[in-house]
Amino acid sequence: MNHSLVTADRTTHLKIVVVALIAAIVVVGVGVTSHVSNSDSQTAGLEARGPVIKAGKPVAITRRDDAAIR
């Protein structure tokens, strides 16, 4: 058994590549099959509630107490 990748032979590198390829295929497969449904019937009950907040004037924040030069 090889305990270091530096001294590993060709079959050990091949095993690592095969395991990584299988893991990548599993991740992609899970990602493809676990999609979120986006039908209009599910989003019809969602509404934004609450007050509308508008952005104010931009503010410059510095570490010094001096006036900002613009």
N, C-alpha and C. Protein backbone atom coordinates (compact mmCIF):
# COMPACT_ATOMS: atom_id res chain seq x y z
N MET A 1 0.85 -1.19 0.00
CA MET A 1 0.00 0.00 0.00
C MET A 1 0.89 1.24 0.00
N ASN A 2 0.51 2.22 -0.80
CA ASN A 2 1.26 3.47 -0.89
C ASN A 2 0.63 4.50 0.05
N HIS A 3 1.47 5.07 0.89
CA HIS A 3 0.98 6.06 1.83
C HIS A 3 1.31 7.49 1.40
N SER A 4 1.91 7.66 0.26
CA SER A 4 2.27 8.97 -0.24
C SER A 4 1.98 9.03 -1.74
N LEU A 5 1.48 10.15 -2.19
CA LEU A 5 1.22 10.30 -3.62
C LEU A 5 2.51 10.47 -4.41
N VAL A 6 3.58 10.88 -3.75
CA VAL A 6 4.85 11.06 -4.45
C VAL A 6 5.42 9.72 -4.88
N THR A 7 5.30 8.71 -4.01
CA THR A 7 5.86 7.40 -4.33
C THR A 7 4.82 6.43 -4.87
N ALA A 8 3.61 6.92 -5.17
CA ALA A 8 2.55 6.03 -5.64
C ALA A 8 2.82 5.60 -7.07
N ASP A 9 2.38 4.39 -7.39
CA ASP A 9 2.57 3.90 -8.74
C ASP A 9 1.37 4.25 -9.62
N ARG A 10 1.41 3.79 -10.84
CA ARG A 10 0.38 4.14 -11.82
C ARG A 10 -1.01 3.68 -11.41
N THR A 11 -1.13 2.49 -10.83
CA THR A 11 -2.46 1.98 -10.46
C THR A 11 -3.08 2.78 -9.32
N THR A 12 -2.25 3.27 -8.42
CA THR A 12 -2.79 4.10 -7.33
C THR A 12 -3.33 5.40 -7.88
N HIS A 13 -2.61 6.03 -8.79
CA HIS A 13 -3.11 7.26 -9.41
C HIS A 13 -4.39 6.99 -10.18
N LEU A 14 -4.46 5.87 -10.86
CA LEU A 14 -5.66 5.52 -11.61
C LEU A 14 -6.85 5.31 -10.68
N LYS A 15 -6.62 4.68 -9.56
CA LYS A 15 -7.70 4.48 -8.57
C LYS A 15 -8.22 5.82 -8.06
N ILE A 16 -7.32 6.75 -7.79
CA ILE A 16 -7.73 8.08 -7.30
C ILE A 16 -8.55 8.80 -8.36
N VAL A 17 -8.13 8.74 -9.60
CA VAL A 17 -8.87 9.40 -10.69
C VAL A 17 -10.25 8.77 -10.86
N VAL A 18 -10.33 7.45 -10.77
CA VAL A 18 -11.63 6.78 -10.93
C VAL A 18 -12.57 7.14 -9.78
N VAL A 19 -12.07 7.15 -8.55
CA VAL A 19 -12.92 7.52 -7.40
C VAL A 19 -13.38 8.96 -7.53
N ALA A 20 -12.51 9.86 -7.96
CA ALA A 20 -12.90 11.27 -8.13
C ALA A 20 -13.94 11.41 -9.24
N LEU A 21 -13.79 10.66 -10.32
CA LEU A 21 -14.76 10.71 -11.41
C LEU A 21 -16.13 10.19 -10.97
N ILE A 22 -16.14 9.11 -10.24
CA ILE A 22 -17.41 8.57 -9.73
C ILE A 22 -18.07 9.56 -8.77
N ALA A 23 -17.28 10.18 -7.89
CA ALA A 23 -17.83 11.16 -6.96
C ALA A 23 -18.41 12.36 -7.71
N ALA A 24 -17.74 12.81 -8.77
CA ALA A 24 -18.24 13.94 -9.55
C ALA A 24 -19.53 13.57 -10.26
N ILE A 25 -19.62 12.36 -10.77
CA ILE A 25 -20.85 11.92 -11.44
C ILE A 25 -22.00 11.85 -10.45
N VAL A 26 -21.72 11.38 -9.24
CA VAL A 26 -22.77 11.32 -8.21
C VAL A 26 -23.25 12.72 -7.84
N VAL A 27 -22.33 13.66 -7.68
CA VAL A 27 -22.71 15.04 -7.33
C VAL A 27 -23.55 15.67 -8.43
N VAL A 28 -23.14 15.49 -9.68
CA VAL A 28 -23.91 16.04 -10.80
C VAL A 28 -25.27 15.37 -10.90
N GLY A 29 -25.32 14.06 -10.69
CA GLY A 29 -26.59 13.34 -10.74
C GLY A 29 -27.56 13.80 -9.67
N VAL A 30 -27.07 14.00 -8.46
CA VAL A 30 -27.93 14.51 -7.38
C VAL A 30 -28.39 15.92 -7.69
N GLY A 31 -27.52 16.73 -8.24
CA GLY A 31 -27.90 18.11 -8.58
C GLY A 31 -28.95 18.18 -9.68
N VAL A 32 -28.87 17.29 -10.65
CA VAL A 32 -29.83 17.29 -11.75
C VAL A 32 -31.18 16.78 -11.28
N THR A 33 -31.18 15.76 -10.45
CA THR A 33 -32.46 15.16 -10.03
C THR A 33 -33.15 15.94 -8.92
N SER A 34 -32.45 16.78 -8.20
CA SER A 34 -33.08 17.52 -7.10
C SER A 34 -33.36 18.96 -7.51
N HIS A 35 -34.14 19.13 -8.55
CA HIS A 35 -34.51 20.45 -9.00
C HIS A 35 -35.71 20.96 -8.20
N VAL A 36 -35.87 22.26 -8.16
CA VAL A 36 -36.97 22.89 -7.46
C VAL A 36 -38.05 23.22 -8.47
N SER A 37 -39.27 22.84 -8.18
CA SER A 37 -40.37 23.12 -9.09
C SER A 37 -40.71 24.61 -9.04
N ASN A 38 -40.91 25.20 -10.19
CA ASN A 38 -41.19 26.63 -10.27
C ASN A 38 -42.52 26.85 -11.00
N SER A 39 -43.57 26.21 -10.53
CA SER A 39 -44.86 26.40 -11.17
C SER A 39 -45.57 27.61 -10.60
N ASP A 40 -46.51 28.16 -11.36
CA ASP A 40 -47.23 29.35 -10.92
C ASP A 40 -48.16 29.06 -9.75
N SER A 41 -48.61 27.84 -9.59
CA SER A 41 -49.53 27.53 -8.51
C SER A 41 -48.85 27.62 -7.15
N GLN A 42 -47.55 27.35 -7.08
CA GLN A 42 -46.85 27.41 -5.81
C GLN A 42 -46.45 28.84 -5.46
N THR A 43 -46.17 29.67 -6.45
CA THR A 43 -45.72 31.03 -6.16
C THR A 43 -46.89 32.00 -6.05
N ALA A 44 -48.12 31.56 -6.29
CA ALA A 44 -49.26 32.47 -6.24
C ALA A 44 -49.55 32.92 -4.82
N GLY A 45 -49.23 32.11 -3.81
CA GLY A 45 -49.52 32.47 -2.43
C GLY A 45 -48.45 33.32 -1.78
N LEU A 46 -47.36 33.63 -2.48
CA LEU A 46 -46.29 34.42 -1.90
C LEU A 46 -46.49 35.90 -2.20
N GLU A 47 -46.45 36.70 -1.16
CA GLU A 47 -46.58 38.14 -1.31
C GLU A 47 -45.55 38.82 -0.42
N ALA A 48 -45.09 39.98 -0.87
CA ALA A 48 -44.20 40.79 -0.05
C ALA A 48 -45.06 41.72 0.80
N ARG A 49 -44.86 41.68 2.08
CA ARG A 49 -45.65 42.54 2.98
C ARG A 49 -44.70 43.40 3.80
N GLY A 50 -45.18 44.53 4.22
CA GLY A 50 -44.38 45.41 5.05
C GLY A 50 -44.18 46.76 4.39
N PRO A 51 -43.58 47.68 5.13
CA PRO A 51 -43.38 49.03 4.58
C PRO A 51 -42.27 49.05 3.54
N VAL A 52 -42.38 50.00 2.62
CA VAL A 52 -41.36 50.19 1.60
C VAL A 52 -40.29 51.09 2.18
N ILE A 53 -39.04 50.67 2.12
CA ILE A 53 -37.93 51.46 2.65
C ILE A 53 -37.11 51.96 1.47
N LYS A 54 -36.96 53.29 1.40
CA LYS A 54 -36.19 53.89 0.31
C LYS A 54 -34.79 54.23 0.80
N ALA A 55 -33.83 54.12 -0.10
CA ALA A 55 -32.45 54.42 0.24
C ALA A 55 -32.27 55.92 0.41
N GLY A 56 -31.42 56.31 1.36
CA GLY A 56 -31.13 57.71 1.60
C GLY A 56 -29.92 58.16 0.79
N LYS A 57 -29.33 59.26 1.21
CA LYS A 57 -28.16 59.79 0.53
C LYS A 57 -26.94 58.92 0.84
N PRO A 58 -25.97 58.86 -0.08
CA PRO A 58 -24.76 58.08 0.19
C PRO A 58 -23.95 58.69 1.33
N VAL A 59 -23.28 57.84 2.08
CA VAL A 59 -22.50 58.27 3.23
C VAL A 59 -21.07 57.77 3.05
N ALA A 60 -20.09 58.63 3.34
CA ALA A 60 -18.69 58.24 3.31
C ALA A 60 -18.22 57.99 4.74
N ILE A 61 -17.66 56.82 4.99
CA ILE A 61 -17.19 56.47 6.32
C ILE A 61 -15.68 56.33 6.26
N THR A 62 -15.00 57.06 7.13
CA THR A 62 -13.54 57.00 7.18
C THR A 62 -13.09 56.69 8.59
N ARG A 63 -11.80 56.41 8.74
CA ARG A 63 -11.26 56.14 10.07
C ARG A 63 -10.81 57.42 10.76
N ARG A 64 -10.56 58.45 10.01
CA ARG A 64 -10.09 59.71 10.60
C ARG A 64 -11.27 60.62 10.93
N ASP A 65 -11.03 61.55 11.83
CA ASP A 65 -12.07 62.51 12.17
C ASP A 65 -12.03 63.75 11.28
N ASP A 66 -11.09 63.78 10.33
CA ASP A 66 -10.99 64.92 9.42
C ASP A 66 -12.18 64.93 8.46
N ALA A 67 -12.36 66.06 7.83
CA ALA A 67 -13.41 66.17 6.84
C ALA A 67 -13.00 65.40 5.57
N ALA A 68 -13.99 64.81 4.94
CA ALA A 68 -13.74 64.07 3.70
C ALA A 68 -13.54 65.05 2.55
N ILE A 69 -12.50 64.86 1.77
CA ILE A 69 -12.22 65.73 0.63
C ILE A 69 -12.80 65.05 -0.60
N ARG A 70 -13.64 65.77 -1.28
CA ARG A 70 -14.31 65.19 -2.45
C ARG A 70 -13.99 65.97 -3.69
